[in-house]
Amino acid sequence: MGGDYITWFKDENSESRALLYKLETAGIVKLFSEKKEGGFYNHKWELTKKGKDIVDKDKLLQELWKKGDIVKFYDLISKKI
């Protein structure tokens, strides 16, 4: 699952964004920022080692993370941690 990440939000205060921050607090994902040319930043969410260990053992979690279905991903992973 290395390199899989979510970079989009439909609006600034979206439910998905709030859930990603909860997952970050739980140590499952981490927000990384990378400076690009022109002073712009690329932000991406990546699974941490703890997150990868959980997701790599569950096909459904892998699919939900890859699709970017954070609401379902959060509901399922929160039952496992």
PDB file of N, CA and C in Angstrom:
ATOM      1  N   MET A   1       0.819  -1.193   0.000  1.00  0.00           N
ATOM      2  CA  MET A   1       0.000   0.000   0.000  1.00  0.00           C
ATOM      3  C   MET A   1       0.862   1.256   0.000  1.00  0.00           C
ATOM      4  N   GLY A   2       2.159   1.134   0.031  1.00  0.00           N
ATOM      5  CA  GLY A   2       2.994   2.317   0.056  1.00  0.00           C
ATOM      6  C   GLY A   2       2.715   3.232  -1.124  1.00  0.00           C
ATOM      7  N   GLY A   3       2.638   4.519  -0.865  1.00  0.00           N
ATOM      8  CA  GLY A   3       2.414   5.483  -1.923  1.00  0.00           C
ATOM      9  C   GLY A   3       0.951   5.796  -2.177  1.00  0.00           C
ATOM     10  N   ASP A   4       0.039   5.044  -1.609  1.00  0.00           N
ATOM     11  CA  ASP A   4      -1.381   5.357  -1.770  1.00  0.00           C
ATOM     12  C   ASP A   4      -1.722   6.526  -0.873  1.00  0.00           C
ATOM     13  N   TYR A   5      -2.452   7.469  -1.418  1.00  0.00           N
ATOM     14  CA  TYR A   5      -2.788   8.635  -0.618  1.00  0.00           C
ATOM     15  C   TYR A   5      -4.027   9.327  -1.149  1.00  0.00           C
ATOM     16  N   ILE A   6      -4.600  10.165  -0.331  1.00  0.00           N
ATOM     17  CA  ILE A   6      -5.779  10.945  -0.667  1.00  0.00           C
ATOM     18  C   ILE A   6      -5.358  12.410  -0.688  1.00  0.00           C
ATOM     19  N   THR A   7      -5.723  13.153  -1.715  1.00  0.00           N
ATOM     20  CA  THR A   7      -5.293  14.544  -1.803  1.00  0.00           C
ATOM     21  C   THR A   7      -6.448  15.505  -2.032  1.00  0.00           C
ATOM     22  N   TRP A   8      -7.688  15.041  -2.047  1.00  0.00           N
ATOM     23  CA  TRP A   8      -8.805  15.895  -2.430  1.00  0.00           C
ATOM     24  C   TRP A   8      -9.832  16.035  -1.322  1.00  0.00           C
ATOM     25  N   PHE A   9     -10.528  17.147  -1.338  1.00  0.00           N
ATOM     26  CA  PHE A   9     -11.652  17.388  -0.446  1.00  0.00           C
ATOM     27  C   PHE A   9     -12.669  18.201  -1.225  1.00  0.00           C
ATOM     28  N   LYS A  10     -13.932  17.852  -1.108  1.00  0.00           N
ATOM     29  CA  LYS A  10     -14.964  18.585  -1.838  1.00  0.00           C
ATOM     30  C   LYS A  10     -15.191  19.965  -1.248  1.00  0.00           C
ATOM     31  N   ASP A  11     -15.054  20.116   0.035  1.00  0.00           N
ATOM     32  CA  ASP A  11     -15.122  21.443   0.644  1.00  0.00           C
ATOM     33  C   ASP A  11     -14.215  21.463   1.863  1.00  0.00           C
ATOM     34  N   GLU A  12     -13.891  22.635   2.305  1.00  0.00           N
ATOM     35  CA  GLU A  12     -12.895  22.825   3.357  1.00  0.00           C
ATOM     36  C   GLU A  12     -13.237  22.096   4.655  1.00  0.00           C
ATOM     37  N   ASN A  13     -14.496  22.002   5.003  1.00  0.00           N
ATOM     38  CA  ASN A  13     -14.892  21.384   6.273  1.00  0.00           C
ATOM     39  C   ASN A  13     -15.584  20.047   6.055  1.00  0.00           C
ATOM     40  N   SER A  14     -15.133  19.288   5.110  1.00  0.00           N
ATOM     41  CA  SER A  14     -15.798  18.045   4.764  1.00  0.00           C
ATOM     42  C   SER A  14     -15.660  16.979   5.854  1.00  0.00           C
ATOM     43  N   GLU A  15     -16.605  16.075   5.852  1.00  0.00           N
ATOM     44  CA  GLU A  15     -16.582  14.959   6.810  1.00  0.00           C
ATOM     45  C   GLU A  15     -15.326  14.114   6.611  1.00  0.00           C
ATOM     46  N   SER A  16     -14.949  13.888   5.359  1.00  0.00           N
ATOM     47  CA  SER A  16     -13.758  13.083   5.082  1.00  0.00           C
ATOM     48  C   SER A  16     -12.514  13.705   5.707  1.00  0.00           C
ATOM     49  N   ARG A  17     -12.403  14.998   5.606  1.00  0.00           N
ATOM     50  CA  ARG A  17     -11.229  15.674   6.172  1.00  0.00           C
ATOM     51  C   ARG A  17     -11.197  15.499   7.692  1.00  0.00           C
ATOM     52  N   ALA A  18     -12.335  15.666   8.334  1.00  0.00           N
ATOM     53  CA  ALA A  18     -12.409  15.499   9.784  1.00  0.00           C
ATOM     54  C   ALA A  18     -12.020  14.071  10.177  1.00  0.00           C
ATOM     55  N   LEU A  19     -12.487  13.093   9.404  1.00  0.00           N
ATOM     56  CA  LEU A  19     -12.168  11.699   9.705  1.00  0.00           C
ATOM     57  C   LEU A  19     -10.687  11.413   9.489  1.00  0.00           C
ATOM     58  N   LEU A  20     -10.091  12.008   8.457  1.00  0.00           N
ATOM     59  CA  LEU A  20      -8.657  11.823   8.236  1.00  0.00           C
ATOM     60  C   LEU A  20      -7.844  12.380   9.401  1.00  0.00           C
ATOM     61  N   TYR A  21      -8.255  13.500   9.950  1.00  0.00           N
ATOM     62  CA  TYR A  21      -7.544  14.047  11.104  1.00  0.00           C
ATOM     63  C   TYR A  21      -7.724  13.146  12.331  1.00  0.00           C
ATOM     64  N   LYS A  22      -8.894  12.519  12.473  1.00  0.00           N
ATOM     65  CA  LYS A  22      -9.083  11.556  13.572  1.00  0.00           C
ATOM     66  C   LYS A  22      -8.169  10.352  13.375  1.00  0.00           C
ATOM     67  N   LEU A  23      -8.053   9.888  12.125  1.00  0.00           N
ATOM     68  CA  LEU A  23      -7.164   8.768  11.828  1.00  0.00           C
ATOM     69  C   LEU A  23      -5.706   9.156  12.069  1.00  0.00           C
ATOM     70  N   GLU A  24      -5.368  10.406  11.823  1.00  0.00           N
ATOM     71  CA  GLU A  24      -4.008  10.871  12.093  1.00  0.00           C
ATOM     72  C   GLU A  24      -3.735  10.856  13.599  1.00  0.00           C
ATOM     73  N   THR A  25      -4.707  11.289  14.375  1.00  0.00           N
ATOM     74  CA  THR A  25      -4.571  11.273  15.833  1.00  0.00           C
ATOM     75  C   THR A  25      -4.386   9.839  16.346  1.00  0.00           C
ATOM     76  N   ALA A  26      -5.048   8.886  15.690  1.00  0.00           N
ATOM     77  CA  ALA A  26      -4.940   7.476  16.071  1.00  0.00           C
ATOM     78  C   ALA A  26      -3.657   6.831  15.552  1.00  0.00           C
ATOM     79  N   GLY A  27      -2.888   7.563  14.745  1.00  0.00           N
ATOM     80  CA  GLY A  27      -1.629   7.018  14.234  1.00  0.00           C
ATOM     81  C   GLY A  27      -1.784   6.147  13.008  1.00  0.00           C
ATOM     82  N   ILE A  28      -2.919   6.233  12.319  1.00  0.00           N
ATOM     83  CA  ILE A  28      -3.185   5.395  11.143  1.00  0.00           C
ATOM     84  C   ILE A  28      -2.702   6.061   9.864  1.00  0.00           C
ATOM     85  N   VAL A  29      -2.887   7.365   9.741  1.00  0.00           N
ATOM     86  CA  VAL A  29      -2.446   8.117   8.567  1.00  0.00           C
ATOM     87  C   VAL A  29      -1.653   9.337   9.017  1.00  0.00           C
ATOM     88  N   LYS A  30      -0.948   9.939   8.066  1.00  0.00           N
ATOM     89  CA  LYS A  30      -0.191  11.157   8.347  1.00  0.00           C
ATOM     90  C   LYS A  30      -0.275  12.058   7.118  1.00  0.00           C
ATOM     91  N   LEU A  31      -0.424  13.342   7.380  1.00  0.00           N
ATOM     92  CA  LEU A  31      -0.451  14.330   6.312  1.00  0.00           C
ATOM     93  C   LEU A  31       0.967  14.805   6.045  1.00  0.00           C
ATOM     94  N   PHE A  32       1.393  14.662   4.802  1.00  0.00           N
ATOM     95  CA  PHE A  32       2.715  15.106   4.395  1.00  0.00           C
ATOM     96  C   PHE A  32       2.572  16.292   3.452  1.00  0.00           C
ATOM     97  N   SER A  33       3.463  17.254   3.576  1.00  0.00           N
ATOM     98  CA  SER A  33       3.491  18.419   2.699  1.00  0.00           C
ATOM     99  C   SER A  33       4.841  18.465   2.011  1.00  0.00           C
ATOM    100  N   GLU A  34       4.791  18.709   0.722  1.00  0.00           N
ATOM    101  CA  GLU A  34       6.011  18.751  -0.066  1.00  0.00           C
ATOM    102  C   GLU A  34       5.986  20.036  -0.899  1.00  0.00           C
ATOM    103  N   LYS A  35       7.035  20.833  -0.798  1.00  0.00           N
ATOM    104  CA  LYS A  35       7.098  22.086  -1.539  1.00  0.00           C
ATOM    105  C   LYS A  35       7.445  21.809  -3.000  1.00  0.00           C
ATOM    106  N   LYS A  36       6.644  22.389  -3.880  1.00  0.00           N
ATOM    107  CA  LYS A  36       6.848  22.252  -5.318  1.00  0.00           C
ATOM    108  C   LYS A  36       7.416  23.548  -5.878  1.00  0.00           C
ATOM    109  N   GLU A  37       7.747  23.527  -7.145  1.00  0.00           N
ATOM    110  CA  GLU A  37       8.248  24.722  -7.805  1.00  0.00           C
ATOM    111  C   GLU A  37       7.196  25.823  -7.753  1.00  0.00           C
ATOM    112  N   GLY A  38       7.633  27.049  -7.679  1.00  0.00           N
ATOM    113  CA  GLY A  38       6.715  28.180  -7.652  1.00  0.00           C
ATOM    114  C   GLY A  38       6.139  28.457  -6.282  1.00  0.00           C
ATOM    115  N   GLY A  39       6.647  27.785  -5.251  1.00  0.00           N
ATOM    116  CA  GLY A  39       6.176  28.031  -3.894  1.00  0.00           C
ATOM    117  C   GLY A  39       4.903  27.300  -3.523  1.00  0.00           C
ATOM    118  N   PHE A  40       4.395  26.450  -4.400  1.00  0.00           N
ATOM    119  CA  PHE A  40       3.190  25.679  -4.097  1.00  0.00           C
ATOM    120  C   PHE A  40       3.543  24.438  -3.292  1.00  0.00           C
ATOM    121  N   TYR A  41       2.550  23.959  -2.548  1.00  0.00           N
ATOM    122  CA  TYR A  41       2.752  22.754  -1.744  1.00  0.00           C
ATOM    123  C   TYR A  41       1.825  21.648  -2.228  1.00  0.00           C
ATOM    124  N   ASN A  42       2.325  20.439  -2.206  1.00  0.00           N
ATOM    125  CA  ASN A  42       1.525  19.259  -2.494  1.00  0.00           C
ATOM    126  C   ASN A  42       1.284  18.567  -1.157  1.00  0.00           C
ATOM    127  N   HIS A  43       0.032  18.422  -0.782  1.00  0.00           N
ATOM    128  CA  HIS A  43      -0.324  17.759   0.471  1.00  0.00           C
ATOM    129  C   HIS A  43      -0.882  16.379   0.140  1.00  0.00           C
ATOM    130  N   LYS A  44      -0.487  15.399   0.914  1.00  0.00           N
ATOM    131  CA  LYS A  44      -1.019  14.060   0.684  1.00  0.00           C
ATOM    132  C   LYS A  44      -1.107  13.298   1.999  1.00  0.00           C
ATOM    133  N   TRP A  45      -2.115  12.460   2.068  1.00  0.00           N
ATOM    134  CA  TRP A  45      -2.313  11.590   3.226  1.00  0.00           C
ATOM    135  C   TRP A  45      -1.732  10.229   2.880  1.00  0.00           C
ATOM    136  N   GLU A  46      -0.917   9.708   3.773  1.00  0.00           N
ATOM    137  CA  GLU A  46      -0.328   8.386   3.585  1.00  0.00           C
ATOM    138  C   GLU A  46      -0.572   7.559   4.833  1.00  0.00           C
ATOM    139  N   LEU A  47      -0.633   6.259   4.624  1.00  0.00           N
ATOM    140  CA  LEU A  47      -0.753   5.342   5.750  1.00  0.00           C
ATOM    141  C   LEU A  47       0.575   5.303   6.502  1.00  0.00           C
ATOM    142  N   THR A  48       0.501   5.288   7.818  1.00  0.00           N
ATOM    143  CA  THR A  48       1.693   5.117   8.640  1.00  0.00           C
ATOM    144  C   THR A  48       2.027   3.627   8.689  1.00  0.00           C
ATOM    145  N   LYS A  49       3.100   3.282   9.360  1.00  0.00           N
ATOM    146  CA  LYS A  49       3.437   1.856   9.516  1.00  0.00           C
ATOM    147  C   LYS A  49       2.289   1.126  10.216  1.00  0.00           C
ATOM    148  N   LYS A  50       1.757   1.730  11.257  1.00  0.00           N
ATOM    149  CA  LYS A  50       0.628   1.137  11.976  1.00  0.00           C
ATOM    150  C   LYS A  50      -0.559   0.956  11.041  1.00  0.00           C
ATOM    151  N   GLY A  51      -0.845   1.962  10.239  1.00  0.00           N
ATOM    152  CA  GLY A  51      -1.948   1.889   9.288  1.00  0.00           C
ATOM    153  C   GLY A  51      -1.726   0.819   8.230  1.00  0.00           C
ATOM    154  N   LYS A  52      -0.504   0.759   7.700  1.00  0.00           N
ATOM    155  CA  LYS A  52      -0.176  -0.249   6.689  1.00  0.00           C
ATOM    156  C   LYS A  52      -0.317  -1.652   7.251  1.00  0.00           C
ATOM    157  N   ASP A  53       0.124  -1.850   8.498  1.00  0.00           N
ATOM    158  CA  ASP A  53       0.032  -3.168   9.118  1.00  0.00           C
ATOM    159  C   ASP A  53      -1.426  -3.638   9.197  1.00  0.00           C
ATOM    160  N   ILE A  54      -2.336  -2.720   9.477  1.00  0.00           N
ATOM    161  CA  ILE A  54      -3.755  -3.063   9.571  1.00  0.00           C
ATOM    162  C   ILE A  54      -4.355  -3.248   8.189  1.00  0.00           C
ATOM    163  N   VAL A  55      -4.102  -2.311   7.293  1.00  0.00           N
ATOM    164  CA  VAL A  55      -4.715  -2.315   5.963  1.00  0.00           C
ATOM    165  C   VAL A  55      -4.205  -3.473   5.104  1.00  0.00           C
ATOM    166  N   ASP A  56      -2.933  -3.796   5.203  1.00  0.00           N
ATOM    167  CA  ASP A  56      -2.371  -4.865   4.382  1.00  0.00           C
ATOM    168  C   ASP A  56      -2.990  -6.226   4.671  1.00  0.00           C
ATOM    169  N   LYS A  57      -3.626  -6.384   5.818  1.00  0.00           N
ATOM    170  CA  LYS A  57      -4.247  -7.662   6.192  1.00  0.00           C
ATOM    171  C   LYS A  57      -5.724  -7.726   5.834  1.00  0.00           C
ATOM    172  N   ASP A  58      -6.274  -6.682   5.230  1.00  0.00           N
ATOM    173  CA  ASP A  58      -7.716  -6.624   4.986  1.00  0.00           C
ATOM    174  C   ASP A  58      -7.994  -6.081   3.584  1.00  0.00           C
ATOM    175  N   LYS A  59      -8.494  -6.953   2.707  1.00  0.00           N
ATOM    176  CA  LYS A  59      -8.755  -6.577   1.311  1.00  0.00           C
ATOM    177  C   LYS A  59      -9.765  -5.440   1.202  1.00  0.00           C
ATOM    178  N   LEU A  60     -10.805  -5.460   2.024  1.00  0.00           N
ATOM    179  CA  LEU A  60     -11.823  -4.417   1.959  1.00  0.00           C
ATOM    180  C   LEU A  60     -11.232  -3.057   2.336  1.00  0.00           C
ATOM    181  N   LEU A  61     -10.420  -3.022   3.382  1.00  0.00           N
ATOM    182  CA  LEU A  61      -9.759  -1.772   3.762  1.00  0.00           C
ATOM    183  C   LEU A  61      -8.852  -1.274   2.633  1.00  0.00           C
ATOM    184  N   GLN A  62      -8.144  -2.182   1.977  1.00  0.00           N
ATOM    185  CA  GLN A  62      -7.284  -1.809   0.860  1.00  0.00           C
ATOM    186  C   GLN A  62      -8.103  -1.156  -0.250  1.00  0.00           C
ATOM    187  N   GLU A  63      -9.243  -1.754  -0.576  1.00  0.00           N
ATOM    188  CA  GLU A  63     -10.100  -1.221  -1.630  1.00  0.00           C
ATOM    189  C   GLU A  63     -10.672   0.144  -1.251  1.00  0.00           C
ATOM    190  N   LEU A  64     -11.131   0.289  -0.020  1.00  0.00           N
ATOM    191  CA  LEU A  64     -11.715   1.555   0.422  1.00  0.00           C
ATOM    192  C   LEU A  64     -10.675   2.668   0.415  1.00  0.00           C
ATOM    193  N   TRP A  65      -9.452   2.367   0.860  1.00  0.00           N
ATOM    194  CA  TRP A  65      -8.391   3.373   0.862  1.00  0.00           C
ATOM    195  C   TRP A  65      -8.034   3.773  -0.573  1.00  0.00           C
ATOM    196  N   LYS A  66      -7.944   2.782  -1.439  1.00  0.00           N
ATOM    197  CA  LYS A  66      -7.588   3.063  -2.840  1.00  0.00           C
ATOM    198  C   LYS A  66      -8.653   3.902  -3.528  1.00  0.00           C
ATOM    199  N   LYS A  67      -9.930   3.641  -3.233  1.00  0.00           N
ATOM    200  CA  LYS A  67     -11.041   4.400  -3.812  1.00  0.00           C
ATOM    201  C   LYS A  67     -11.172   5.787  -3.195  1.00  0.00           C
ATOM    202  N   GLY A  68     -10.636   5.964  -2.010  1.00  0.00           N
ATOM    203  CA  GLY A  68     -10.776   7.242  -1.321  1.00  0.00           C
ATOM    204  C   GLY A  68     -12.083   7.361  -0.555  1.00  0.00           C
ATOM    205  N   ASP A  69     -12.693   6.224  -0.229  1.00  0.00           N
ATOM    206  CA  ASP A  69     -13.950   6.229   0.531  1.00  0.00           C
ATOM    207  C   ASP A  69     -13.616   6.291   2.017  1.00  0.00           C
ATOM    208  N   ILE A  70     -13.312   7.491   2.466  1.00  0.00           N
ATOM    209  CA  ILE A  70     -12.820   7.696   3.822  1.00  0.00           C
ATOM    210  C   ILE A  70     -13.878   7.390   4.875  1.00  0.00           C
ATOM    211  N   VAL A  71     -15.126   7.689   4.604  1.00  0.00           N
ATOM    212  CA  VAL A  71     -16.187   7.449   5.589  1.00  0.00           C
ATOM    213  C   VAL A  71     -16.290   5.952   5.896  1.00  0.00           C
ATOM    214  N   LYS A  72     -16.376   5.124   4.862  1.00  0.00           N
ATOM    215  CA  LYS A  72     -16.458   3.671   5.075  1.00  0.00           C
ATOM    216  C   LYS A  72     -15.145   3.131   5.631  1.00  0.00           C
ATOM    217  N   PHE A  73     -14.024   3.670   5.135  1.00  0.00           N
ATOM    218  CA  PHE A  73     -12.713   3.254   5.625  1.00  0.00           C
ATOM    219  C   PHE A  73     -12.611   3.519   7.122  1.00  0.00           C
ATOM    220  N   TYR A  74     -13.004   4.709   7.543  1.00  0.00           N
ATOM    221  CA  TYR A  74     -12.946   5.086   8.947  1.00  0.00           C
ATOM    222  C   TYR A  74     -13.839   4.160   9.795  1.00  0.00           C
ATOM    223  N   ASP A  75     -15.070   3.934   9.315  1.00  0.00           N
ATOM    224  CA  ASP A  75     -15.991   3.075  10.070  1.00  0.00           C
ATOM    225  C   ASP A  75     -15.410   1.679  10.281  1.00  0.00           C
ATOM    226  N   LEU A  76     -14.811   1.114   9.237  1.00  0.00           N
ATOM    227  CA  LEU A  76     -14.275  -0.240   9.325  1.00  0.00           C
ATOM    228  C   LEU A  76     -12.988  -0.294  10.155  1.00  0.00           C
ATOM    229  N   ILE A  77     -12.091   0.634   9.909  1.00  0.00           N
ATOM    230  CA  ILE A  77     -10.808   0.572  10.634  1.00  0.00           C
ATOM    231  C   ILE A  77     -10.987   0.915  12.118  1.00  0.00           C
ATOM    232  N   SER A  78     -11.958   1.757  12.425  1.00  0.00           N
ATOM    233  CA  SER A  78     -12.169   2.106  13.833  1.00  0.00           C
ATOM    234  C   SER A  78     -12.642   0.901  14.638  1.00  0.00           C
ATOM    235  N   LYS A  79     -13.248  -0.069  14.000  1.00  0.00           N
ATOM    236  CA  LYS A  79     -13.658  -1.316  14.674  1.00  0.00           C
ATOM    237  C   LYS A  79     -12.460  -2.220  14.925  1.00  0.00           C
ATOM    238  N   LYS A  80     -11.393  -2.029  14.160  1.00  0.00           N
ATOM    239  CA  LYS A  80     -10.213  -2.893  14.274  1.00  0.00           C
ATOM    240  C   LYS A  80      -9.168  -2.345  15.243  1.00  0.00           C
ATOM    241  N   ILE A  81      -9.267  -1.068  15.586  1.00  0.00           N
ATOM    242  CA  ILE A  81      -8.235  -0.504  16.468  1.00  0.00           C
ATOM    243  C   ILE A  81      -8.774  -0.281  17.870  1.00  0.00           C
TER     244      ILE A  81
END
